[in-house]
PDB file of N, CA and C in Angstrom:
ATOM      1  N   MET A   1       0.847  -1.162   0.000  1.00  0.00           N
ATOM      2  CA  MET A   1       0.000   0.000   0.000  1.00  0.00           C
ATOM      3  C   MET A   1       0.896   1.228   0.000  1.00  0.00           C
ATOM      4  N   SER A   2       0.589   2.175  -0.844  1.00  0.00           N
ATOM      5  CA  SER A   2       1.367   3.406  -0.857  1.00  0.00           C
ATOM      6  C   SER A   2       0.425   4.573  -1.103  1.00  0.00           C
ATOM      7  N   ALA A   3       0.849   5.727  -0.661  1.00  0.00           N
ATOM      8  CA  ALA A   3       0.055   6.935  -0.834  1.00  0.00           C
ATOM      9  C   ALA A   3       0.923   7.983  -1.515  1.00  0.00           C
ATOM     10  N   SER A   4       0.323   8.735  -2.432  1.00  0.00           N
ATOM     11  CA  SER A   4       1.093   9.742  -3.147  1.00  0.00           C
ATOM     12  C   SER A   4       1.260  11.017  -2.321  1.00  0.00           C
ATOM     13  N   SER A   5       0.432  11.199  -1.315  1.00  0.00           N
ATOM     14  CA  SER A   5       0.550  12.365  -0.441  1.00  0.00           C
ATOM     15  C   SER A   5       0.143  11.954   0.968  1.00  0.00           C
ATOM     16  N   ALA A   6       0.354  12.842   1.906  1.00  0.00           N
ATOM     17  CA  ALA A   6      -0.003  12.547   3.293  1.00  0.00           C
ATOM     18  C   ALA A   6      -1.515  12.316   3.391  1.00  0.00           C
ATOM     19  N   PRO A   7      -1.924  11.307   4.135  1.00  0.00           N
ATOM     20  CA  PRO A   7      -3.352  11.021   4.252  1.00  0.00           C
ATOM     21  C   PRO A   7      -4.078  12.081   5.075  1.00  0.00           C
ATOM     22  N   THR A   8      -5.359  12.248   4.803  1.00  0.00           N
ATOM     23  CA  THR A   8      -6.208  13.113   5.604  1.00  0.00           C
ATOM     24  C   THR A   8      -6.684  12.301   6.795  1.00  0.00           C
ATOM     25  N   ARG A   9      -6.583  12.859   7.985  1.00  0.00           N
ATOM     26  CA  ARG A   9      -6.940  12.134   9.200  1.00  0.00           C
ATOM     27  C   ARG A   9      -8.289  12.615   9.700  1.00  0.00           C
ATOM     28  N   PHE A  10      -9.180  11.663   9.943  1.00  0.00           N
ATOM     29  CA  PHE A  10     -10.497  11.932  10.493  1.00  0.00           C
ATOM     30  C   PHE A  10     -10.651  11.127  11.774  1.00  0.00           C
ATOM     31  N   ARG A  11     -11.462  11.599  12.687  1.00  0.00           N
ATOM     32  CA  ARG A  11     -11.811  10.829  13.870  1.00  0.00           C
ATOM     33  C   ARG A  11     -13.255  10.358  13.675  1.00  0.00           C
ATOM     34  N   ALA A  12     -13.409   9.055  13.474  1.00  0.00           N
ATOM     35  CA  ALA A  12     -14.733   8.488  13.208  1.00  0.00           C
ATOM     36  C   ALA A  12     -15.550   8.415  14.492  1.00  0.00           C
ATOM     37  N   VAL A  13     -16.793   8.851  14.399  1.00  0.00           N
ATOM     38  CA  VAL A  13     -17.713   8.700  15.531  1.00  0.00           C
ATOM     39  C   VAL A  13     -18.803   7.691  15.196  1.00  0.00           C
ATOM     40  N   SER A  14     -18.911   7.350  13.907  1.00  0.00           N
ATOM     41  CA  SER A  14     -19.911   6.380  13.482  1.00  0.00           C
ATOM     42  C   SER A  14     -19.403   5.700  12.213  1.00  0.00           C
ATOM     43  N   MET A  15     -19.556   4.370  12.178  1.00  0.00           N
ATOM     44  CA  MET A  15     -19.178   3.623  10.986  1.00  0.00           C
ATOM     45  C   MET A  15     -20.208   2.526  10.767  1.00  0.00           C
ATOM     46  N   GLU A  16     -20.527   2.290   9.502  1.00  0.00           N
ATOM     47  CA  GLU A  16     -21.420   1.187   9.167  1.00  0.00           C
ATOM     48  C   GLU A  16     -21.052   0.664   7.794  1.00  0.00           C
ATOM     49  N   LEU A  17     -21.450  -0.560   7.536  1.00  0.00           N
ATOM     50  CA  LEU A  17     -21.236  -1.161   6.225  1.00  0.00           C
ATOM     51  C   LEU A  17     -22.570  -1.268   5.503  1.00  0.00           C
ATOM     52  N   ALA A  18     -22.550  -1.031   4.218  1.00  0.00           N
ATOM     53  CA  ALA A  18     -23.735  -1.189   3.381  1.00  0.00           C
ATOM     54  C   ALA A  18     -23.348  -2.071   2.199  1.00  0.00           C
ATOM     55  N   ALA A  19     -24.063  -3.176   2.016  1.00  0.00           N
ATOM     56  CA  ALA A  19     -23.779  -4.105   0.921  1.00  0.00           C
ATOM     57  C   ALA A  19     -24.764  -3.866  -0.219  1.00  0.00           C
ATOM     58  N   TYR A  20     -24.244  -3.774  -1.430  1.00  0.00           N
ATOM     59  CA  TYR A  20     -25.051  -3.595  -2.631  1.00  0.00           C
ATOM     60  C   TYR A  20     -24.894  -4.848  -3.482  1.00  0.00           C
ATOM     61  N   LEU A  21     -25.846  -5.758  -3.336  1.00  0.00           N
ATOM     62  CA  LEU A  21     -25.733  -7.071  -3.965  1.00  0.00           C
ATOM     63  C   LEU A  21     -25.751  -6.999  -5.489  1.00  0.00           C
ATOM     64  N   ASP A  22     -26.582  -6.129  -6.045  1.00  0.00           N
ATOM     65  CA  ASP A  22     -26.635  -6.019  -7.505  1.00  0.00           C
ATOM     66  C   ASP A  22     -25.312  -5.529  -8.080  1.00  0.00           C
ATOM     67  N   GLY A  23     -24.688  -4.583  -7.406  1.00  0.00           N
ATOM     68  CA  GLY A  23     -23.424  -4.039  -7.886  1.00  0.00           C
ATOM     69  C   GLY A  23     -22.215  -4.817  -7.419  1.00  0.00           C
ATOM     70  N   LYS A  24     -22.427  -5.745  -6.506  1.00  0.00           N
ATOM     71  CA  LYS A  24     -21.347  -6.582  -5.957  1.00  0.00           C
ATOM     72  C   LYS A  24     -20.232  -5.744  -5.330  1.00  0.00           C
ATOM     73  N   TYR A  25     -20.627  -4.818  -4.453  1.00  0.00           N
ATOM     74  CA  TYR A  25     -19.636  -4.042  -3.715  1.00  0.00           C
ATOM     75  C   TYR A  25     -20.207  -3.679  -2.349  1.00  0.00           C
ATOM     76  N   VAL A  26     -19.310  -3.269  -1.492  1.00  0.00           N
ATOM     77  CA  VAL A  26     -19.675  -2.860  -0.139  1.00  0.00           C
ATOM     78  C   VAL A  26     -19.144  -1.453   0.072  1.00  0.00           C
ATOM     79  N   GLU A  27     -19.897  -0.645   0.802  1.00  0.00           N
ATOM     80  CA  GLU A  27     -19.441   0.693   1.171  1.00  0.00           C
ATOM     81  C   GLU A  27     -19.290   0.771   2.682  1.00  0.00           C
ATOM     82  N   MET A  28     -18.264   1.470   3.119  1.00  0.00           N
ATOM     83  CA  MET A  28     -18.129   1.831   4.523  1.00  0.00           C
ATOM     84  C   MET A  28     -18.585   3.280   4.630  1.00  0.00           C
ATOM     85  N   HIS A  29     -19.610   3.524   5.434  1.00  0.00           N
ATOM     86  CA  HIS A  29     -20.112   4.880   5.663  1.00  0.00           C
ATOM     87  C   HIS A  29     -19.534   5.350   6.995  1.00  0.00           C
ATOM     88  N   ILE A  30     -18.855   6.468   6.975  1.00  0.00           N
ATOM     89  CA  ILE A  30     -18.173   6.979   8.155  1.00  0.00           C
ATOM     90  C   ILE A  30     -18.597   8.424   8.375  1.00  0.00           C
ATOM     91  N   VAL A  31     -18.878   8.761   9.636  1.00  0.00           N
ATOM     92  CA  VAL A  31     -19.141  10.141  10.023  1.00  0.00           C
ATOM     93  C   VAL A  31     -18.051  10.529  11.008  1.00  0.00           C
ATOM     94  N   SER A  32     -17.399  11.663  10.754  1.00  0.00           N
ATOM     95  CA  SER A  32     -16.307  12.111  11.627  1.00  0.00           C
ATOM     96  C   SER A  32     -16.856  12.996  12.740  1.00  0.00           C
ATOM     97  N   ASP A  33     -15.996  13.279  13.714  1.00  0.00           N
ATOM     98  CA  ASP A  33     -16.423  14.083  14.854  1.00  0.00           C
ATOM     99  C   ASP A  33     -16.778  15.510  14.469  1.00  0.00           C
ATOM    100  N   ASP A  34     -16.310  15.988  13.305  1.00  0.00           N
ATOM    101  CA  ASP A  34     -16.690  17.335  12.871  1.00  0.00           C
ATOM    102  C   ASP A  34     -17.835  17.319  11.850  1.00  0.00           C
ATOM    103  N   GLY A  35     -18.490  16.145  11.697  1.00  0.00           N
ATOM    104  CA  GLY A  35     -19.652  16.037  10.826  1.00  0.00           C
ATOM    105  C   GLY A  35     -19.351  15.663   9.390  1.00  0.00           C
ATOM    106  N   GLU A  36     -18.083  15.526   9.052  1.00  0.00           N
ATOM    107  CA  GLU A  36     -17.709  15.112   7.691  1.00  0.00           C
ATOM    108  C   GLU A  36     -18.261  13.720   7.422  1.00  0.00           C
ATOM    109  N   GLN A  37     -18.896  13.535   6.276  1.00  0.00           N
ATOM    110  CA  GLN A  37     -19.426  12.223   5.903  1.00  0.00           C
ATOM    111  C   GLN A  37     -18.563  11.641   4.799  1.00  0.00           C
ATOM    112  N   LEU A  38     -18.052  10.440   5.035  1.00  0.00           N
ATOM    113  CA  LEU A  38     -17.170   9.774   4.080  1.00  0.00           C
ATOM    114  C   LEU A  38     -17.809   8.468   3.645  1.00  0.00           C
ATOM    115  N   ILE A  39     -17.642   8.141   2.386  1.00  0.00           N
ATOM    116  CA  ILE A  39     -18.073   6.841   1.873  1.00  0.00           C
ATOM    117  C   ILE A  39     -16.873   6.217   1.184  1.00  0.00           C
ATOM    118  N   ILE A  40     -16.492   5.037   1.663  1.00  0.00           N
ATOM    119  CA  ILE A  40     -15.378   4.301   1.090  1.00  0.00           C
ATOM    120  C   ILE A  40     -15.964   3.094   0.365  1.00  0.00           C
ATOM    121  N   VAL A  41     -15.753   3.000  -0.932  1.00  0.00           N
ATOM    122  CA  VAL A  41     -16.271   1.893  -1.727  1.00  0.00           C
ATOM    123  C   VAL A  41     -15.254   0.772  -1.741  1.00  0.00           C
ATOM    124  N   CYS A  42     -15.695  -0.419  -1.361  1.00  0.00           N
ATOM    125  CA  CYS A  42     -14.838  -1.610  -1.339  1.00  0.00           C
ATOM    126  C   CYS A  42     -15.308  -2.525  -2.454  1.00  0.00           C
ATOM    127  N   ASP A  43     -14.547  -2.582  -3.516  1.00  0.00           N
ATOM    128  CA  ASP A  43     -14.926  -3.341  -4.695  1.00  0.00           C
ATOM    129  C   ASP A  43     -14.954  -4.848  -4.424  1.00  0.00           C
ATOM    130  N   LYS A  44     -15.944  -5.495  -4.953  1.00  0.00           N
ATOM    131  CA  LYS A  44     -16.091  -6.964  -4.912  1.00  0.00           C
ATOM    132  C   LYS A  44     -15.900  -7.506  -3.499  1.00  0.00           C
ATOM    133  N   ASP A  45     -14.970  -8.451  -3.337  1.00  0.00           N
ATOM    134  CA  ASP A  45     -14.807  -9.094  -2.038  1.00  0.00           C
ATOM    135  C   ASP A  45     -13.698  -8.460  -1.199  1.00  0.00           C
ATOM    136  N   SER A  46     -13.265  -7.244  -1.548  1.00  0.00           N
ATOM    137  CA  SER A  46     -12.174  -6.620  -0.802  1.00  0.00           C
ATOM    138  C   SER A  46     -12.530  -6.373   0.654  1.00  0.00           C
ATOM    139  N   ILE A  47     -13.803  -6.295   0.973  1.00  0.00           N
ATOM    140  CA  ILE A  47     -14.210  -6.088   2.367  1.00  0.00           C
ATOM    141  C   ILE A  47     -13.727  -7.247   3.235  1.00  0.00           C
ATOM    142  N   PHE A  48     -13.613  -8.431   2.655  1.00  0.00           N
ATOM    143  CA  PHE A  48     -13.139  -9.573   3.438  1.00  0.00           C
ATOM    144  C   PHE A  48     -11.646  -9.460   3.726  1.00  0.00           C
ATOM    145  N   ASP A  49     -10.902  -8.799   2.838  1.00  0.00           N
ATOM    146  CA  ASP A  49      -9.503  -8.513   3.138  1.00  0.00           C
ATOM    147  C   ASP A  49      -9.417  -7.586   4.348  1.00  0.00           C
ATOM    148  N   ILE A  50     -10.311  -6.604   4.395  1.00  0.00           N
ATOM    149  CA  ILE A  50     -10.352  -5.682   5.533  1.00  0.00           C
ATOM    150  C   ILE A  50     -10.706  -6.448   6.802  1.00  0.00           C
ATOM    151  N   GLN A  51     -11.684  -7.335   6.710  1.00  0.00           N
ATOM    152  CA  GLN A  51     -12.087  -8.131   7.868  1.00  0.00           C
ATOM    153  C   GLN A  51     -10.908  -8.961   8.384  1.00  0.00           C
ATOM    154  N   ARG A  52     -10.185  -9.609   7.483  1.00  0.00           N
ATOM    155  CA  ARG A  52      -9.035 -10.414   7.897  1.00  0.00           C
ATOM    156  C   ARG A  52      -7.963  -9.546   8.558  1.00  0.00           C
ATOM    157  N   HIS A  53      -7.774  -8.346   8.024  1.00  0.00           N
ATOM    158  CA  HIS A  53      -6.778  -7.446   8.597  1.00  0.00           C
ATOM    159  C   HIS A  53      -7.190  -7.023  10.010  1.00  0.00           C
ATOM    160  N   ILE A  54      -8.462  -6.699  10.202  1.00  0.00           N
ATOM    161  CA  ILE A  54      -8.960  -6.321  11.534  1.00  0.00           C
ATOM    162  C   ILE A  54      -8.784  -7.484  12.502  1.00  0.00           C
ATOM    163  N   GLU A  55      -9.112  -8.688  12.060  1.00  0.00           N
ATOM    164  CA  GLU A  55      -8.941  -9.864  12.918  1.00  0.00           C
ATOM    165  C   GLU A  55      -7.475 -10.058  13.287  1.00  0.00           C
ATOM    166  N   GLN A  56      -6.572  -9.854  12.322  1.00  0.00           N
ATOM    167  CA  GLN A  56      -5.146 -10.014  12.598  1.00  0.00           C
ATOM    168  C   GLN A  56      -4.681  -8.971  13.610  1.00  0.00           C
ATOM    169  N   ILE A  57      -5.120  -7.738  13.462  1.00  0.00           N
ATOM    170  CA  ILE A  57      -4.755  -6.696  14.419  1.00  0.00           C
ATOM    171  C   ILE A  57      -5.225  -7.090  15.819  1.00  0.00           C
ATOM    172  N   GLY A  58      -6.451  -7.617  15.911  1.00  0.00           N
ATOM    173  CA  GLY A  58      -6.982  -8.054  17.200  1.00  0.00           C
ATOM    174  C   GLY A  58      -6.155  -9.166  17.822  1.00  0.00           C
ATOM    175  N   ARG A  59      -5.667 -10.093  16.992  1.00  0.00           N
ATOM    176  CA  ARG A  59      -4.817 -11.180  17.509  1.00  0.00           C
ATOM    177  C   ARG A  59      -3.442 -10.656  17.913  1.00  0.00           C
ATOM    178  N   ASP A  60      -2.857  -9.795  17.077  1.00  0.00           N
ATOM    179  CA  ASP A  60      -1.511  -9.300  17.318  1.00  0.00           C
ATOM    180  C   ASP A  60      -1.449  -8.256  18.432  1.00  0.00           C
ATOM    181  N   CYS A  61      -2.551  -7.566  18.653  1.00  0.00           N
ATOM    182  CA  CYS A  61      -2.560  -6.469  19.619  1.00  0.00           C
ATOM    183  C   CYS A  61      -3.866  -6.499  20.422  1.00  0.00           C
ATOM    184  N   PRO A  62      -4.079  -7.535  21.253  1.00  0.00           N
ATOM    185  CA  PRO A  62      -5.359  -7.668  21.960  1.00  0.00           C
ATOM    186  C   PRO A  62      -5.649  -6.540  22.946  1.00  0.00           C
ATOM    187  N   GLU A  63      -4.620  -5.792  23.343  1.00  0.00           N
ATOM    188  CA  GLU A  63      -4.870  -4.698  24.287  1.00  0.00           C
ATOM    189  C   GLU A  63      -5.752  -3.602  23.687  1.00  0.00           C
ATOM    190  N   ILE A  64      -5.906  -3.608  22.363  1.00  0.00           N
ATOM    191  CA  ILE A  64      -6.801  -2.630  21.729  1.00  0.00           C
ATOM    192  C   ILE A  64      -8.195  -2.712  22.339  1.00  0.00           C
ATOM    193  N   LEU A  65      -8.622  -3.903  22.711  1.00  0.00           N
ATOM    194  CA  LEU A  65      -9.956  -4.072  23.293  1.00  0.00           C
ATOM    195  C   LEU A  65     -10.130  -3.313  24.602  1.00  0.00           C
ATOM    196  N   THR A  66      -9.034  -2.946  25.255  1.00  0.00           N
ATOM    197  CA  THR A  66      -9.125  -2.239  26.531  1.00  0.00           C
ATOM    198  C   THR A  66      -9.124  -0.727  26.349  1.00  0.00           C
ATOM    199  N   TRP A  67      -8.835  -0.263  25.131  1.00  0.00           N
ATOM    200  CA  TRP A  67      -8.770   1.172  24.900  1.00  0.00           C
ATOM    201  C   TRP A  67     -10.172   1.760  24.939  1.00  0.00           C
ATOM    202  N   LYS A  68     -10.309   2.889  25.538  1.00  0.00           N
ATOM    203  CA  LYS A  68     -11.599   3.575  25.642  1.00  0.00           C
ATOM    204  C   LYS A  68     -11.572   4.862  24.832  1.00  0.00           C
ATOM    205  N   LYS A  69     -12.750   5.286  24.446  1.00  0.00           N
ATOM    206  CA  LYS A  69     -12.884   6.527  23.697  1.00  0.00           C
ATOM    207  C   LYS A  69     -12.448   7.697  24.586  1.00  0.00           C
ATOM    208  N   PRO A  70     -11.650   8.640  24.068  1.00  0.00           N
ATOM    209  CA  PRO A  70     -11.237   9.782  24.876  1.00  0.00           C
ATOM    210  C   PRO A  70     -12.435  10.623  25.301  1.00  0.00           C
ATOM    211  N   VAL A  71     -12.343  11.177  26.473  1.00  0.00           N
ATOM    212  CA  VAL A  71     -13.437  11.992  27.005  1.00  0.00           C
ATOM    213  C   VAL A  71     -13.464  13.357  26.340  1.00  0.00           C
ATOM    214  N   THR A  72     -12.299  13.889  26.009  1.00  0.00           N
ATOM    215  CA  THR A  72     -12.220  15.218  25.400  1.00  0.00           C
ATOM    216  C   THR A  72     -11.706  15.100  23.966  1.00  0.00           C
ATOM    217  N   PRO A  73     -12.051  16.059  23.125  1.00  0.00           N
ATOM    218  CA  PRO A  73     -11.525  16.047  21.750  1.00  0.00           C
ATOM    219  C   PRO A  73     -10.006  16.172  21.762  1.00  0.00           C
ATOM    220  N   TRP A  74      -9.383  15.701  20.691  1.00  0.00           N
ATOM    221  CA  TRP A  74      -7.931  15.810  20.569  1.00  0.00           C
ATOM    222  C   TRP A  74      -7.520  17.267  20.448  1.00  0.00           C
ATOM    223  N   THR A  75      -6.379  17.596  21.022  1.00  0.00           N
ATOM    224  CA  THR A  75      -5.818  18.932  20.859  1.00  0.00           C
ATOM    225  C   THR A  75      -5.127  18.991  19.499  1.00  0.00           C
ATOM    226  N   GLN A  76      -4.812  20.193  19.051  1.00  0.00           N
ATOM    227  CA  GLN A  76      -4.105  20.346  17.778  1.00  0.00           C
ATOM    228  C   GLN A  76      -2.745  19.650  17.838  1.00  0.00           C
ATOM    229  N   ASP A  77      -2.089  19.676  19.008  1.00  0.00           N
ATOM    230  CA  ASP A  77      -0.804  19.005  19.165  1.00  0.00           C
ATOM    231  C   ASP A  77      -0.961  17.489  19.019  1.00  0.00           C
ATOM    232  N   GLU A  78      -2.014  16.921  19.617  1.00  0.00           N
ATOM    233  CA  GLU A  78      -2.256  15.486  19.500  1.00  0.00           C
ATOM    234  C   GLU A  78      -2.550  15.094  18.050  1.00  0.00           C
ATOM    235  N   ILE A  79      -3.308  15.929  17.358  1.00  0.00           N
ATOM    236  CA  ILE A  79      -3.620  15.671  15.949  1.00  0.00           C
ATOM    237  C   ILE A  79      -2.336  15.706  15.121  1.00  0.00           C
ATOM    238  N   ALA A  80      -1.483  16.699  15.380  1.00  0.00           N
ATOM    239  CA  ALA A  80      -0.221  16.807  14.636  1.00  0.00           C
ATOM    240  C   ALA A  80       0.661  15.583  14.882  1.00  0.00           C
ATOM    241  N   LYS A  81       0.739  15.133  16.141  1.00  0.00           N
ATOM    242  CA  LYS A  81       1.536  13.946  16.458  1.00  0.00           C
ATOM    243  C   LYS A  81       0.972  12.709  15.775  1.00  0.00           C
ATOM    244  N   ALA A  82      -0.339  12.577  15.765  1.00  0.00           N
ATOM    245  CA  ALA A  82      -0.972  11.424  15.116  1.00  0.00           C
ATOM    246  C   ALA A  82      -0.737  11.458  13.616  1.00  0.00           C
ATOM    247  N   ASN A  83      -0.828  12.641  13.011  1.00  0.00           N
ATOM    248  CA  ASN A  83      -0.569  12.765  11.578  1.00  0.00           C
ATOM    249  C   ASN A  83       0.876  12.415  11.246  1.00  0.00           C
ATOM    250  N   GLU A  84       1.800  12.837  12.106  1.00  0.00           N
ATOM    251  CA  GLU A  84       3.214  12.519  11.889  1.00  0.00           C
ATOM    252  C   GLU A  84       3.432  11.005  11.979  1.00  0.00           C
ATOM    253  N   ALA A  85       2.820  10.373  12.965  1.00  0.00           N
ATOM    254  CA  ALA A  85       2.951   8.922  13.111  1.00  0.00           C
ATOM    255  C   ALA A  85       2.338   8.202  11.914  1.00  0.00           C
ATOM    256  N   THR A  86       1.207   8.698  11.444  1.00  0.00           N
ATOM    257  CA  THR A  86       0.560   8.092  10.290  1.00  0.00           C
ATOM    258  C   THR A  86       1.451   8.204   9.056  1.00  0.00           C
ATOM    259  N   SER A  87       2.072   9.359   8.874  1.00  0.00           N
ATOM    260  CA  SER A  87       2.959   9.540   7.727  1.00  0.00           C
ATOM    261  C   SER A  87       4.112   8.552   7.778  1.00  0.00           C
ATOM    262  N   ARG A  88       4.679   8.339   8.968  1.00  0.00           N
ATOM    263  CA  ARG A  88       5.770   7.369   9.110  1.00  0.00           C
ATOM    264  C   ARG A  88       5.267   5.975   8.773  1.00  0.00           C
ATOM    265  N   ASN A  89       4.050   5.643   9.229  1.00  0.00           N
ATOM    266  CA  ASN A  89       3.497   4.316   8.943  1.00  0.00           C
ATOM    267  C   ASN A  89       3.230   4.142   7.461  1.00  0.00           C
ATOM    268  N   TRP A  90       2.748   5.179   6.768  1.00  0.00           N
ATOM    269  CA  TRP A  90       2.519   5.081   5.322  1.00  0.00           C
ATOM    270  C   TRP A  90       3.837   4.800   4.626  1.00  0.00           C
ATOM    271  N   ASP A  91       4.905   5.491   5.062  1.00  0.00           N
ATOM    272  CA  ASP A  91       6.210   5.268   4.441  1.00  0.00           C
ATOM    273  C   ASP A  91       6.673   3.836   4.656  1.00  0.00           C
ATOM    274  N   ALA A  92       6.439   3.313   5.857  1.00  0.00           N
ATOM    275  CA  ALA A  92       6.832   1.929   6.153  1.00  0.00           C
ATOM    276  C   ALA A  92       6.032   0.941   5.319  1.00  0.00           C
ATOM    277  N   LEU A  93       4.764   1.259   5.065  1.00  0.00           N
ATOM    278  CA  LEU A  93       3.916   0.351   4.294  1.00  0.00           C
ATOM    279  C   LEU A  93       4.337   0.276   2.830  1.00  0.00           C
ATOM    280  N   GLU A  94       4.996   1.320   2.341  1.00  0.00           N
ATOM    281  CA  GLU A  94       5.430   1.299   0.949  1.00  0.00           C
ATOM    282  C   GLU A  94       6.420   0.161   0.683  1.00  0.00           C
ATOM    283  N   ASP A  95       7.116  -0.267   1.730  1.00  0.00           N
ATOM    284  CA  ASP A  95       8.093  -1.351   1.577  1.00  0.00           C
ATOM    285  C   ASP A  95       7.464  -2.725   1.652  1.00  0.00           C
ATOM    286  N   VAL A  96       6.177  -2.789   2.017  1.00  0.00           N
ATOM    287  CA  VAL A  96       5.505  -4.089   2.189  1.00  0.00           C
ATOM    288  C   VAL A  96       5.065  -4.625   0.852  1.00  0.00           C
TER     289      VAL A  96
END
């Protein structure tokens, strides 16, 4: 996986999947904390790749289940740090 530019970071407050059987695709509908509505189209059976990846993350990092939603919104400094970490991870993924 590679990205041509730094990714846009959103904080999801709601996510759902919608399956379109006639078109043979699935959409992830996401609403961010600032009200931005995103739709990610997952062609054909790619949603199952996502499912397998989520399951692997759960096996490799079970402590995620103990994480709780933050009580307060992220500060600009926290957002900047998260964006920097994400950029480093995108760069690392380019080698995969």
